Amino acid sequence: MSTFIWIAAAIILIGIYLSWTAGRLDRLHARIDAARAALDAQLLRRASVAQEVGTSGVLDPAASIVLYQAAHEARQAEEDHREVAESELSQALRAIFAEEAQLEAVREAPGGEQTITELTAAVRRVPMARRFHNDAVRAARAVRRHRVVRYFRLAGHAPFPLAFEMDDEPPAVLDDRSAGG
């Protein structure tokens, strides 16, 4: 009878552990979903502000076309091409604002200071949102690699989480961190 009690206790403890692990994995997947939604919002905000700058008429015509096209592509990209389109928008922003004259042209336009503030905030928030998302993905992957999770299929039918890899380096003139502050 004592052996039966020990076996029952072990089964109960294993069940509690499996339930706790499944709950943890579920919370990690929910965290990934929330982080991805935040990342999507920041990417959309950055593309919208860039598109607004591109259509404002304050940049030279070539820069306006390049910026508008990159922002439009980033907003309209299919999910499997999104990382490339967002990287191209980052590259376009760096190329256009590599010259201080372009930044000054935007700043001198009516409402330009507010536009610069919005653009600076948008390009600074994208790397943070991407880092939060990728950290959540990394944590979920670590739990999903455990044998117990795989053997008991604790992840259910949830897709394997994928990191969002893109070039998110902001233009130097819009990156407050480079100003020494």
C-alpha atoms as a PDB file:
ATOM      1  CA  MET A   1       0.000   0.000   0.000  1.00  0.00           C
ATOM      2  CA  SER A   2       2.870   2.374   0.788  1.00  0.00           C
ATOM      3  CA  THR A   3       4.328   1.838  -2.709  1.00  0.00           C
ATOM      4  CA  PHE A   4       0.982   2.774  -4.255  1.00  0.00           C
ATOM      5  CA  ILE A   5       0.930   6.022  -2.279  1.00  0.00           C
ATOM      6  CA  TRP A   6       4.467   6.900  -3.392  1.00  0.00           C
ATOM      7  CA  ILE A   7       3.624   6.159  -7.022  1.00  0.00           C
ATOM      8  CA  ALA A   8       0.432   8.261  -6.793  1.00  0.00           C
ATOM      9  CA  ALA A   9       2.379  11.129  -5.188  1.00  0.00           C
ATOM     10  CA  ALA A  10       5.023  10.968  -7.925  1.00  0.00           C
ATOM     11  CA  ILE A  11       2.349  11.013 -10.635  1.00  0.00           C
ATOM     12  CA  ILE A  12       0.648  13.982  -8.980  1.00  0.00           C
ATOM     13  CA  LEU A  13       3.955  15.876  -8.720  1.00  0.00           C
ATOM     14  CA  ILE A  14       4.783  15.136 -12.356  1.00  0.00           C
ATOM     15  CA  GLY A  15       1.306  16.316 -13.348  1.00  0.00           C
ATOM     16  CA  ILE A  16       1.750  19.552 -11.379  1.00  0.00           C
ATOM     17  CA  TYR A  17       5.142  20.126 -13.016  1.00  0.00           C
ATOM     18  CA  LEU A  18       3.750  19.486 -16.501  1.00  0.00           C
ATOM     19  CA  SER A  19       0.800  21.784 -15.828  1.00  0.00           C
ATOM     20  CA  TRP A  20       3.101  24.528 -14.525  1.00  0.00           C
ATOM     21  CA  THR A  21       5.412  24.180 -17.546  1.00  0.00           C
ATOM     22  CA  ALA A  22       2.481  24.280 -19.987  1.00  0.00           C
ATOM     23  CA  GLY A  23       1.148  27.398 -18.246  1.00  0.00           C
ATOM     24  CA  ARG A  24       4.560  29.034 -18.406  1.00  0.00           C
ATOM     25  CA  LEU A  25       4.829  28.253 -22.103  1.00  0.00           C
ATOM     26  CA  ASP A  26       1.349  29.652 -22.686  1.00  0.00           C
ATOM     27  CA  ARG A  27       2.314  32.887 -20.897  1.00  0.00           C
ATOM     28  CA  LEU A  28       5.474  33.126 -23.000  1.00  0.00           C
ATOM     29  CA  HIS A  29       3.446  32.731 -26.203  1.00  0.00           C
ATOM     30  CA  ALA A  30       1.037  35.422 -24.992  1.00  0.00           C
ATOM     31  CA  ARG A  31       4.040  37.658 -24.275  1.00  0.00           C
ATOM     32  CA  ILE A  32       5.316  37.048 -27.824  1.00  0.00           C
ATOM     33  CA  ASP A  33       1.915  37.986 -29.250  1.00  0.00           C
ATOM     34  CA  ALA A  34       1.817  41.205 -27.213  1.00  0.00           C
ATOM     35  CA  ALA A  35       5.396  42.085 -28.125  1.00  0.00           C
ATOM     36  CA  ARG A  36       4.705  41.423 -31.805  1.00  0.00           C
ATOM     37  CA  ALA A  37       1.641  43.663 -31.693  1.00  0.00           C
ATOM     38  CA  ALA A  38       3.746  46.413 -30.105  1.00  0.00           C
ATOM     39  CA  LEU A  39       6.469  45.915 -32.723  1.00  0.00           C
ATOM     40  CA  ASP A  40       3.915  46.052 -35.546  1.00  0.00           C
ATOM     41  CA  ALA A  41       2.505  49.286 -34.095  1.00  0.00           C
ATOM     42  CA  GLN A  42       5.963  50.870 -33.897  1.00  0.00           C
ATOM     43  CA  LEU A  43       6.858  49.772 -37.424  1.00  0.00           C
ATOM     44  CA  LEU A  44       3.586  51.187 -38.737  1.00  0.00           C
ATOM     45  CA  ARG A  45       4.152  54.437 -36.855  1.00  0.00           C
ATOM     46  CA  ARG A  46       7.670  54.779 -38.275  1.00  0.00           C
ATOM     47  CA  ALA A  47       6.471  54.062 -41.822  1.00  0.00           C
ATOM     48  CA  SER A  48       3.576  56.514 -41.461  1.00  0.00           C
ATOM     49  CA  VAL A  49       5.801  59.342 -40.240  1.00  0.00           C
ATOM     50  CA  ALA A  50       8.363  58.579 -42.959  1.00  0.00           C
ATOM     51  CA  GLN A  51       5.626  58.561 -45.582  1.00  0.00           C
ATOM     52  CA  GLU A  52       4.347  61.881 -44.261  1.00  0.00           C
ATOM     53  CA  VAL A  53       7.847  63.373 -44.533  1.00  0.00           C
ATOM     54  CA  GLY A  54       8.209  61.930 -48.027  1.00  0.00           C
ATOM     55  CA  THR A  55       4.997  63.571 -49.215  1.00  0.00           C
ATOM     56  CA  SER A  56       5.497  66.890 -47.402  1.00  0.00           C
ATOM     57  CA  GLY A  57       7.449  68.461 -50.251  1.00  0.00           C
ATOM     58  CA  VAL A  58      10.261  69.746 -48.022  1.00  0.00           C
ATOM     59  CA  LEU A  59      12.850  67.186 -49.140  1.00  0.00           C
ATOM     60  CA  ASP A  60      14.444  67.280 -52.547  1.00  0.00           C
ATOM     61  CA  PRO A  61      12.385  65.350 -55.146  1.00  0.00           C
ATOM     62  CA  ALA A  62      14.679  62.305 -55.320  1.00  0.00           C
ATOM     63  CA  ALA A  63      14.781  61.932 -51.536  1.00  0.00           C
ATOM     64  CA  SER A  64      10.996  62.354 -51.352  1.00  0.00           C
ATOM     65  CA  ILE A  65      10.433  59.586 -53.883  1.00  0.00           C
ATOM     66  CA  VAL A  66      12.903  57.205 -52.224  1.00  0.00           C
ATOM     67  CA  LEU A  67      11.471  57.804 -48.751  1.00  0.00           C
ATOM     68  CA  TYR A  68       7.850  57.584 -49.854  1.00  0.00           C
ATOM     69  CA  GLN A  69       8.477  54.379 -51.825  1.00  0.00           C
ATOM     70  CA  ALA A  70      10.369  52.696 -48.962  1.00  0.00           C
ATOM     71  CA  ALA A  71       7.696  53.689 -46.424  1.00  0.00           C
ATOM     72  CA  HIS A  72       4.899  52.542 -48.737  1.00  0.00           C
ATOM     73  CA  GLU A  73       6.622  49.182 -49.320  1.00  0.00           C
ATOM     74  CA  ALA A  74       7.121  48.730 -45.574  1.00  0.00           C
ATOM     75  CA  ARG A  75       3.436  49.390 -44.887  1.00  0.00           C
ATOM     76  CA  GLN A  76       2.187  47.125 -47.684  1.00  0.00           C
ATOM     77  CA  ALA A  77       4.688  44.251 -47.402  1.00  0.00           C
ATOM     78  CA  GLU A  78       3.448  40.693 -47.031  1.00  0.00           C
ATOM     79  CA  GLU A  79       4.494  39.018 -43.789  1.00  0.00           C
ATOM     80  CA  ASP A  80       7.233  36.907 -45.386  1.00  0.00           C
ATOM     81  CA  HIS A  81       8.825  40.022 -46.986  1.00  0.00           C
ATOM     82  CA  ARG A  82       8.254  42.411 -44.095  1.00  0.00           C
ATOM     83  CA  GLU A  83      11.725  42.173 -42.573  1.00  0.00           C
ATOM     84  CA  VAL A  84      13.340  43.101 -45.901  1.00  0.00           C
ATOM     85  CA  ALA A  85      10.933  45.993 -46.523  1.00  0.00           C
ATOM     86  CA  GLU A  86      11.472  47.382 -43.013  1.00  0.00           C
ATOM     87  CA  SER A  87      15.246  47.078 -43.438  1.00  0.00           C
ATOM     88  CA  GLU A  88      15.008  48.976 -46.713  1.00  0.00           C
ATOM     89  CA  LEU A  89      13.075  51.748 -44.948  1.00  0.00           C
ATOM     90  CA  SER A  90      15.829  51.952 -42.320  1.00  0.00           C
ATOM     91  CA  GLN A  91      18.443  52.201 -45.072  1.00  0.00           C
ATOM     92  CA  ALA A  92      16.438  54.880 -46.887  1.00  0.00           C
ATOM     93  CA  LEU A  93      16.086  56.921 -43.691  1.00  0.00           C
ATOM     94  CA  ARG A  94      19.839  56.689 -43.059  1.00  0.00           C
ATOM     95  CA  ALA A  95      20.666  57.619 -46.657  1.00  0.00           C
ATOM     96  CA  ILE A  96      18.305  60.598 -46.742  1.00  0.00           C
ATOM     97  CA  PHE A  97      19.186  61.957 -43.318  1.00  0.00           C
ATOM     98  CA  ALA A  98      22.908  61.348 -43.718  1.00  0.00           C
ATOM     99  CA  GLU A  99      23.062  64.983 -44.751  1.00  0.00           C
ATOM    100  CA  GLU A 100      22.220  67.523 -42.084  1.00  0.00           C
ATOM    101  CA  ALA A 101      20.670  69.718 -44.824  1.00  0.00           C
ATOM    102  CA  GLN A 102      17.740  67.319 -45.254  1.00  0.00           C
ATOM    103  CA  LEU A 103      17.019  67.424 -41.520  1.00  0.00           C
ATOM    104  CA  GLU A 104      17.198  71.220 -41.520  1.00  0.00           C
ATOM    105  CA  ALA A 105      14.823  71.371 -44.498  1.00  0.00           C
ATOM    106  CA  VAL A 106      12.247  69.371 -42.554  1.00  0.00           C
ATOM    107  CA  ARG A 107      12.863  71.373 -39.377  1.00  0.00           C
ATOM    108  CA  GLU A 108      12.334  74.739 -41.162  1.00  0.00           C
ATOM    109  CA  ALA A 109       8.999  73.705 -42.697  1.00  0.00           C
ATOM    110  CA  PRO A 110       5.782  74.593 -40.857  1.00  0.00           C
ATOM    111  CA  GLY A 111       5.332  71.967 -38.140  1.00  0.00           C
ATOM    112  CA  GLY A 112       8.788  70.646 -38.926  1.00  0.00           C
ATOM    113  CA  GLU A 113      10.052  70.546 -35.361  1.00  0.00           C
ATOM    114  CA  GLN A 114       7.092  68.351 -34.359  1.00  0.00           C
ATOM    115  CA  THR A 115       7.688  66.129 -37.395  1.00  0.00           C
ATOM    116  CA  ILE A 116      11.353  65.700 -36.421  1.00  0.00           C
ATOM    117  CA  THR A 117      10.303  64.859 -32.861  1.00  0.00           C
ATOM    118  CA  GLU A 118       7.812  62.250 -34.122  1.00  0.00           C
ATOM    119  CA  LEU A 119      10.322  60.744 -36.546  1.00  0.00           C
ATOM    120  CA  THR A 120      13.041  60.615 -33.885  1.00  0.00           C
ATOM    121  CA  ALA A 121      10.690  58.893 -31.437  1.00  0.00           C
ATOM    122  CA  ALA A 122       9.545  56.439 -34.114  1.00  0.00           C
ATOM    123  CA  VAL A 123      13.039  55.414 -35.217  1.00  0.00           C
ATOM    124  CA  ARG A 124      14.175  55.022 -31.597  1.00  0.00           C
ATOM    125  CA  ARG A 125      11.210  52.882 -30.528  1.00  0.00           C
ATOM    126  CA  VAL A 126      11.517  50.313 -33.317  1.00  0.00           C
ATOM    127  CA  PRO A 127      14.795  48.787 -32.011  1.00  0.00           C
ATOM    128  CA  MET A 128      13.380  48.649 -28.475  1.00  0.00           C
ATOM    129  CA  ALA A 129      10.168  46.956 -29.600  1.00  0.00           C
ATOM    130  CA  ARG A 130      12.141  44.511 -31.735  1.00  0.00           C
ATOM    131  CA  ARG A 131      14.438  43.710 -28.816  1.00  0.00           C
ATOM    132  CA  PHE A 132      11.445  43.012 -26.517  1.00  0.00           C
ATOM    133  CA  HIS A 133       9.900  40.763 -29.157  1.00  0.00           C
ATOM    134  CA  ASN A 134      13.106  38.849 -29.822  1.00  0.00           C
ATOM    135  CA  ASP A 135      13.756  38.442 -26.076  1.00  0.00           C
ATOM    136  CA  ALA A 136      10.297  36.895 -25.673  1.00  0.00           C
ATOM    137  CA  VAL A 137      10.979  34.601 -28.637  1.00  0.00           C
ATOM    138  CA  ARG A 138      14.319  33.563 -27.160  1.00  0.00           C
ATOM    139  CA  ALA A 139      12.698  32.722 -23.802  1.00  0.00           C
ATOM    140  CA  ALA A 140       9.950  30.651 -25.435  1.00  0.00           C
ATOM    141  CA  ARG A 141      12.461  28.808 -27.596  1.00  0.00           C
ATOM    142  CA  ALA A 142      14.522  27.943 -24.511  1.00  0.00           C
ATOM    143  CA  VAL A 143      11.487  26.365 -22.826  1.00  0.00           C
ATOM    144  CA  ARG A 144      10.386  24.592 -26.006  1.00  0.00           C
ATOM    145  CA  ARG A 145      13.823  22.973 -26.382  1.00  0.00           C
ATOM    146  CA  HIS A 146      13.380  20.959 -23.170  1.00  0.00           C
ATOM    147  CA  ARG A 147      12.736  17.276 -23.755  1.00  0.00           C
ATOM    148  CA  VAL A 148       9.738  17.204 -21.432  1.00  0.00           C
ATOM    149  CA  VAL A 149       8.036  19.928 -23.468  1.00  0.00           C
ATOM    150  CA  ARG A 150       8.688  18.068 -26.712  1.00  0.00           C
ATOM    151  CA  TYR A 151       7.800  14.575 -25.412  1.00  0.00           C
ATOM    152  CA  PHE A 152       4.515  15.655 -23.854  1.00  0.00           C
ATOM    153  CA  ARG A 153       3.789  18.184 -26.616  1.00  0.00           C
ATOM    154  CA  LEU A 154       3.167  20.927 -24.101  1.00  0.00           C
ATOM    155  CA  ALA A 155       3.387  23.599 -26.785  1.00  0.00           C
ATOM    156  CA  GLY A 156       0.303  22.153 -28.439  1.00  0.00           C
ATOM    157  CA  HIS A 157      -0.117  23.352 -32.004  1.00  0.00           C
ATOM    158  CA  ALA A 158       1.474  26.755 -31.450  1.00  0.00           C
ATOM    159  CA  PRO A 159       3.916  27.595 -34.241  1.00  0.00           C
ATOM    160  CA  PHE A 160       7.587  27.705 -33.344  1.00  0.00           C
ATOM    161  CA  PRO A 161       8.331  31.348 -32.475  1.00  0.00           C
ATOM    162  CA  LEU A 162      10.485  33.255 -34.949  1.00  0.00           C
ATOM    163  CA  ALA A 163      12.588  36.308 -34.225  1.00  0.00           C
ATOM    164  CA  PHE A 164      12.079  39.460 -36.278  1.00  0.00           C
ATOM    165  CA  GLU A 165      15.436  40.225 -37.886  1.00  0.00           C
ATOM    166  CA  MET A 166      15.868  43.540 -39.624  1.00  0.00           C
ATOM    167  CA  ASP A 167      18.223  46.465 -39.995  1.00  0.00           C
ATOM    168  CA  ASP A 168      16.850  48.921 -37.451  1.00  0.00           C
ATOM    169  CA  GLU A 169      19.831  51.241 -37.049  1.00  0.00           C
ATOM    170  CA  PRO A 170      18.458  54.803 -36.888  1.00  0.00           C
ATOM    171  CA  PRO A 171      20.012  57.680 -38.814  1.00  0.00           C
ATOM    172  CA  ALA A 172      22.797  59.233 -36.732  1.00  0.00           C
ATOM    173  CA  VAL A 173      21.163  62.677 -36.751  1.00  0.00           C
ATOM    174  CA  LEU A 174      17.929  61.227 -35.346  1.00  0.00           C
ATOM    175  CA  ASP A 175      19.554  59.002 -32.725  1.00  0.00           C
ATOM    176  CA  ASP A 176      19.581  60.862 -29.393  1.00  0.00           C
ATOM    177  CA  ARG A 177      21.947  58.255 -27.946  1.00  0.00           C
ATOM    178  CA  SER A 178      24.733  59.516 -30.220  1.00  0.00           C
ATOM    179  CA  ALA A 179      24.317  63.041 -28.833  1.00  0.00           C
ATOM    180  CA  GLY A 180      25.985  61.974 -25.576  1.00  0.00           C
ATOM    181  CA  GLY A 181      22.815  62.107 -23.522  1.00  0.00           C
END
